[in-house]
Amino acid sequence: MKTLRKMDPPVARRLYAAVHALADNPRPAAATALVGGDGQMRLRVGDYRVIYEIEDDRLLVLVLHLAHRREVYRGGRW
């Protein structure tokens, strides 16, 4: 949520809606598995990416990273 507060309001609203929708459908058609990831998924929301993982045994969707596409993959693991 801290990251969303720093963004432009229209972008933050779109990202918030996308993350919130993951609660109902953690594997939307637009999401893809990260290559080389340990079960992490990537969701594209315009020029932004949401990196998350699903813990089915606990019914949990954990958002690991949320950033612009040019920045999201920098810095290695989340």
N, C-alpha and C. Protein backbone atom coordinates (compact mmCIF):
# COMPACT_ATOMS: atom_id res chain seq x y z
N MET A 1 0.82 -1.19 0.00
CA MET A 1 0.00 0.00 0.00
C MET A 1 0.86 1.25 0.00
N LYS A 2 2.02 1.16 0.62
CA LYS A 2 2.92 2.30 0.67
C LYS A 2 3.34 2.71 -0.74
N THR A 3 3.60 1.73 -1.58
CA THR A 3 4.00 2.00 -2.96
C THR A 3 2.87 2.68 -3.72
N LEU A 4 1.65 2.25 -3.49
CA LEU A 4 0.51 2.84 -4.19
C LEU A 4 0.31 4.30 -3.83
N ARG A 5 0.58 4.66 -2.60
CA ARG A 5 0.40 6.05 -2.17
C ARG A 5 1.34 7.01 -2.88
N LYS A 6 2.47 6.51 -3.36
CA LYS A 6 3.45 7.35 -4.03
C LYS A 6 3.15 7.54 -5.52
N MET A 7 2.20 6.80 -6.05
CA MET A 7 1.89 6.84 -7.48
C MET A 7 0.79 7.84 -7.79
N ASP A 8 0.68 8.14 -9.09
CA ASP A 8 -0.42 8.97 -9.55
C ASP A 8 -1.74 8.28 -9.20
N PRO A 9 -2.73 9.02 -8.75
CA PRO A 9 -4.00 8.41 -8.32
C PRO A 9 -4.67 7.50 -9.35
N PRO A 10 -4.74 7.87 -10.65
CA PRO A 10 -5.39 6.95 -11.59
C PRO A 10 -4.64 5.61 -11.72
N VAL A 11 -3.32 5.67 -11.73
CA VAL A 11 -2.51 4.45 -11.82
C VAL A 11 -2.68 3.62 -10.56
N ALA A 12 -2.65 4.27 -9.42
CA ALA A 12 -2.81 3.57 -8.14
C ALA A 12 -4.17 2.87 -8.06
N ARG A 13 -5.22 3.52 -8.55
CA ARG A 13 -6.55 2.91 -8.53
C ARG A 13 -6.60 1.65 -9.40
N ARG A 14 -5.97 1.71 -10.58
CA ARG A 14 -5.96 0.54 -11.46
C ARG A 14 -5.19 -0.61 -10.83
N LEU A 15 -4.05 -0.30 -10.22
CA LEU A 15 -3.25 -1.35 -9.59
C LEU A 15 -3.97 -1.93 -8.38
N TYR A 16 -4.59 -1.08 -7.58
CA TYR A 16 -5.33 -1.54 -6.42
C TYR A 16 -6.46 -2.48 -6.85
N ALA A 17 -7.18 -2.09 -7.90
CA ALA A 17 -8.28 -2.93 -8.39
C ALA A 17 -7.75 -4.28 -8.88
N ALA A 18 -6.61 -4.27 -9.57
CA ALA A 18 -6.04 -5.52 -10.08
C ALA A 18 -5.61 -6.43 -8.94
N VAL A 19 -4.97 -5.87 -7.92
CA VAL A 19 -4.53 -6.66 -6.77
C VAL A 19 -5.73 -7.18 -6.00
N HIS A 20 -6.72 -6.34 -5.82
CA HIS A 20 -7.93 -6.74 -5.10
C HIS A 20 -8.65 -7.87 -5.84
N ALA A 21 -8.64 -7.84 -7.17
CA ALA A 21 -9.29 -8.88 -7.97
C ALA A 21 -8.59 -10.23 -7.82
N LEU A 22 -7.31 -10.23 -7.45
CA LEU A 22 -6.58 -11.48 -7.24
C LEU A 22 -7.17 -12.29 -6.09
N ALA A 23 -7.86 -11.63 -5.18
CA ALA A 23 -8.48 -12.35 -4.06
C ALA A 23 -9.58 -13.29 -4.57
N ASP A 24 -10.30 -12.86 -5.60
CA ASP A 24 -11.36 -13.69 -6.17
C ASP A 24 -10.84 -14.69 -7.20
N ASN A 25 -9.84 -14.27 -7.97
CA ASN A 25 -9.29 -15.12 -9.02
C ASN A 25 -7.77 -14.96 -9.04
N PRO A 26 -7.04 -15.77 -8.28
CA PRO A 26 -5.59 -15.60 -8.20
C PRO A 26 -4.83 -16.02 -9.46
N ARG A 27 -5.52 -16.67 -10.38
CA ARG A 27 -4.87 -17.09 -11.63
C ARG A 27 -5.67 -16.57 -12.84
N PRO A 28 -5.72 -15.25 -13.02
CA PRO A 28 -6.45 -14.73 -14.18
C PRO A 28 -5.73 -15.11 -15.47
N ALA A 29 -6.46 -15.04 -16.58
CA ALA A 29 -5.88 -15.40 -17.87
C ALA A 29 -4.70 -14.51 -18.23
N ALA A 30 -4.69 -13.27 -17.75
CA ALA A 30 -3.61 -12.34 -18.07
C ALA A 30 -2.33 -12.60 -17.28
N ALA A 31 -2.39 -13.40 -16.26
CA ALA A 31 -1.21 -13.68 -15.43
C ALA A 31 -0.37 -14.79 -16.05
N THR A 32 0.94 -14.65 -15.91
CA THR A 32 1.86 -15.68 -16.42
C THR A 32 2.85 -16.03 -15.32
N ALA A 33 3.34 -17.26 -15.39
CA ALA A 33 4.35 -17.69 -14.43
C ALA A 33 5.69 -17.07 -14.80
N LEU A 34 6.45 -16.65 -13.80
CA LEU A 34 7.78 -16.10 -14.06
C LEU A 34 8.74 -17.22 -14.43
N VAL A 35 9.53 -16.98 -15.44
CA VAL A 35 10.54 -17.96 -15.86
C VAL A 35 11.62 -17.99 -14.80
N GLY A 36 11.94 -19.17 -14.32
CA GLY A 36 12.96 -19.30 -13.29
C GLY A 36 12.48 -18.96 -11.90
N GLY A 37 11.23 -18.60 -11.77
CA GLY A 37 10.68 -18.26 -10.46
C GLY A 37 10.21 -19.51 -9.74
N ASP A 38 10.11 -19.42 -8.46
CA ASP A 38 9.64 -20.54 -7.65
C ASP A 38 8.15 -20.40 -7.39
N GLY A 39 7.38 -20.41 -8.46
CA GLY A 39 5.93 -20.29 -8.33
C GLY A 39 5.42 -18.86 -8.37
N GLN A 40 6.30 -17.89 -8.61
CA GLN A 40 5.84 -16.51 -8.69
C GLN A 40 5.09 -16.29 -10.01
N MET A 41 4.12 -15.41 -9.93
CA MET A 41 3.30 -15.05 -11.09
C MET A 41 3.50 -13.58 -11.39
N ARG A 42 3.24 -13.22 -12.64
CA ARG A 42 3.35 -11.83 -13.07
C ARG A 42 2.02 -11.41 -13.68
N LEU A 43 1.54 -10.25 -13.25
CA LEU A 43 0.31 -9.70 -13.80
C LEU A 43 0.64 -8.34 -14.40
N ARG A 44 0.28 -8.15 -15.64
CA ARG A 44 0.54 -6.89 -16.33
C ARG A 44 -0.66 -5.98 -16.18
N VAL A 45 -0.40 -4.76 -15.69
CA VAL A 45 -1.44 -3.74 -15.54
C VAL A 45 -0.91 -2.48 -16.21
N GLY A 46 -1.20 -2.32 -17.49
CA GLY A 46 -0.64 -1.20 -18.25
C GLY A 46 0.88 -1.32 -18.30
N ASP A 47 1.58 -0.26 -17.91
CA ASP A 47 3.05 -0.27 -17.89
C ASP A 47 3.60 -0.78 -16.57
N TYR A 48 2.75 -1.27 -15.71
CA TYR A 48 3.18 -1.74 -14.39
C TYR A 48 3.05 -3.25 -14.31
N ARG A 49 3.81 -3.83 -13.40
CA ARG A 49 3.78 -5.27 -13.19
C ARG A 49 3.56 -5.56 -11.71
N VAL A 50 2.75 -6.57 -11.45
CA VAL A 50 2.52 -7.05 -10.10
C VAL A 50 3.13 -8.44 -10.03
N ILE A 51 4.11 -8.62 -9.17
CA ILE A 51 4.74 -9.93 -8.97
C ILE A 51 4.14 -10.49 -7.69
N TYR A 52 3.62 -11.71 -7.77
CA TYR A 52 2.96 -12.29 -6.60
C TYR A 52 3.12 -13.80 -6.61
N GLU A 53 2.83 -14.39 -5.47
CA GLU A 53 2.82 -15.85 -5.39
C GLU A 53 1.56 -16.29 -4.67
N ILE A 54 1.16 -17.50 -4.97
CA ILE A 54 -0.07 -18.05 -4.41
C ILE A 54 0.29 -19.19 -3.47
N GLU A 55 -0.25 -19.12 -2.27
CA GLU A 55 -0.08 -20.21 -1.31
C GLU A 55 -1.44 -20.89 -1.17
N ASP A 56 -1.64 -21.91 -1.99
CA ASP A 56 -2.94 -22.60 -2.03
C ASP A 56 -3.31 -23.24 -0.70
N ASP A 57 -2.32 -23.79 0.00
CA ASP A 57 -2.63 -24.47 1.26
C ASP A 57 -3.17 -23.52 2.32
N ARG A 58 -2.83 -22.24 2.21
CA ARG A 58 -3.32 -21.25 3.18
C ARG A 58 -4.33 -20.29 2.57
N LEU A 59 -4.70 -20.51 1.30
CA LEU A 59 -5.61 -19.61 0.58
C LEU A 59 -5.13 -18.17 0.67
N LEU A 60 -3.88 -17.96 0.27
CA LEU A 60 -3.22 -16.66 0.42
C LEU A 60 -2.59 -16.25 -0.90
N VAL A 61 -2.78 -14.99 -1.27
CA VAL A 61 -2.09 -14.39 -2.41
C VAL A 61 -1.17 -13.33 -1.82
N LEU A 62 0.12 -13.50 -2.02
CA LEU A 62 1.12 -12.61 -1.44
C LEU A 62 1.74 -11.76 -2.54
N VAL A 63 1.50 -10.45 -2.51
CA VAL A 63 2.09 -9.54 -3.49
C VAL A 63 3.52 -9.27 -3.05
N LEU A 64 4.47 -9.63 -3.91
CA LEU A 64 5.88 -9.50 -3.58
C LEU A 64 6.47 -8.17 -4.05
N HIS A 65 6.02 -7.72 -5.21
CA HIS A 65 6.61 -6.50 -5.77
C HIS A 65 5.61 -5.88 -6.74
N LEU A 66 5.59 -4.56 -6.76
CA LEU A 66 4.70 -3.83 -7.63
C LEU A 66 5.47 -2.62 -8.10
N ALA A 67 5.73 -2.51 -9.42
CA ALA A 67 6.53 -1.39 -9.92
C ALA A 67 6.33 -1.24 -11.42
N HIS A 68 6.88 -0.15 -11.95
CA HIS A 68 6.87 0.08 -13.39
C HIS A 68 7.67 -1.02 -14.07
N ARG A 69 7.33 -1.35 -15.29
CA ARG A 69 7.96 -2.48 -15.97
C ARG A 69 9.47 -2.33 -16.12
N ARG A 70 9.99 -1.10 -16.21
CA ARG A 70 11.44 -0.93 -16.36
C ARG A 70 12.17 -1.16 -15.03
N GLU A 71 11.45 -1.16 -13.92
CA GLU A 71 12.07 -1.30 -12.61
C GLU A 71 11.76 -2.61 -11.90
N VAL A 72 10.71 -3.29 -12.30
CA VAL A 72 10.20 -4.40 -11.51
C VAL A 72 11.17 -5.58 -11.41
N TYR A 73 11.98 -5.81 -12.44
CA TYR A 73 12.85 -6.98 -12.42
C TYR A 73 14.24 -6.68 -11.89
N ARG A 74 14.54 -5.44 -11.59
CA ARG A 74 15.84 -5.08 -11.03
C ARG A 74 15.90 -5.48 -9.57
N GLY A 75 17.07 -5.84 -9.12
CA GLY A 75 17.25 -6.11 -7.71
C GLY A 75 17.07 -7.55 -7.29
N GLY A 76 16.87 -8.43 -8.25
CA GLY A 76 16.84 -9.85 -7.90
C GLY A 76 15.56 -10.30 -7.23
N ARG A 77 15.72 -11.11 -6.22
CA ARG A 77 14.58 -11.75 -5.55
C ARG A 77 13.87 -10.78 -4.63
N TRP A 78 12.59 -11.08 -4.38
CA TRP A 78 11.77 -10.21 -3.54
C TRP A 78 11.66 -10.80 -2.20
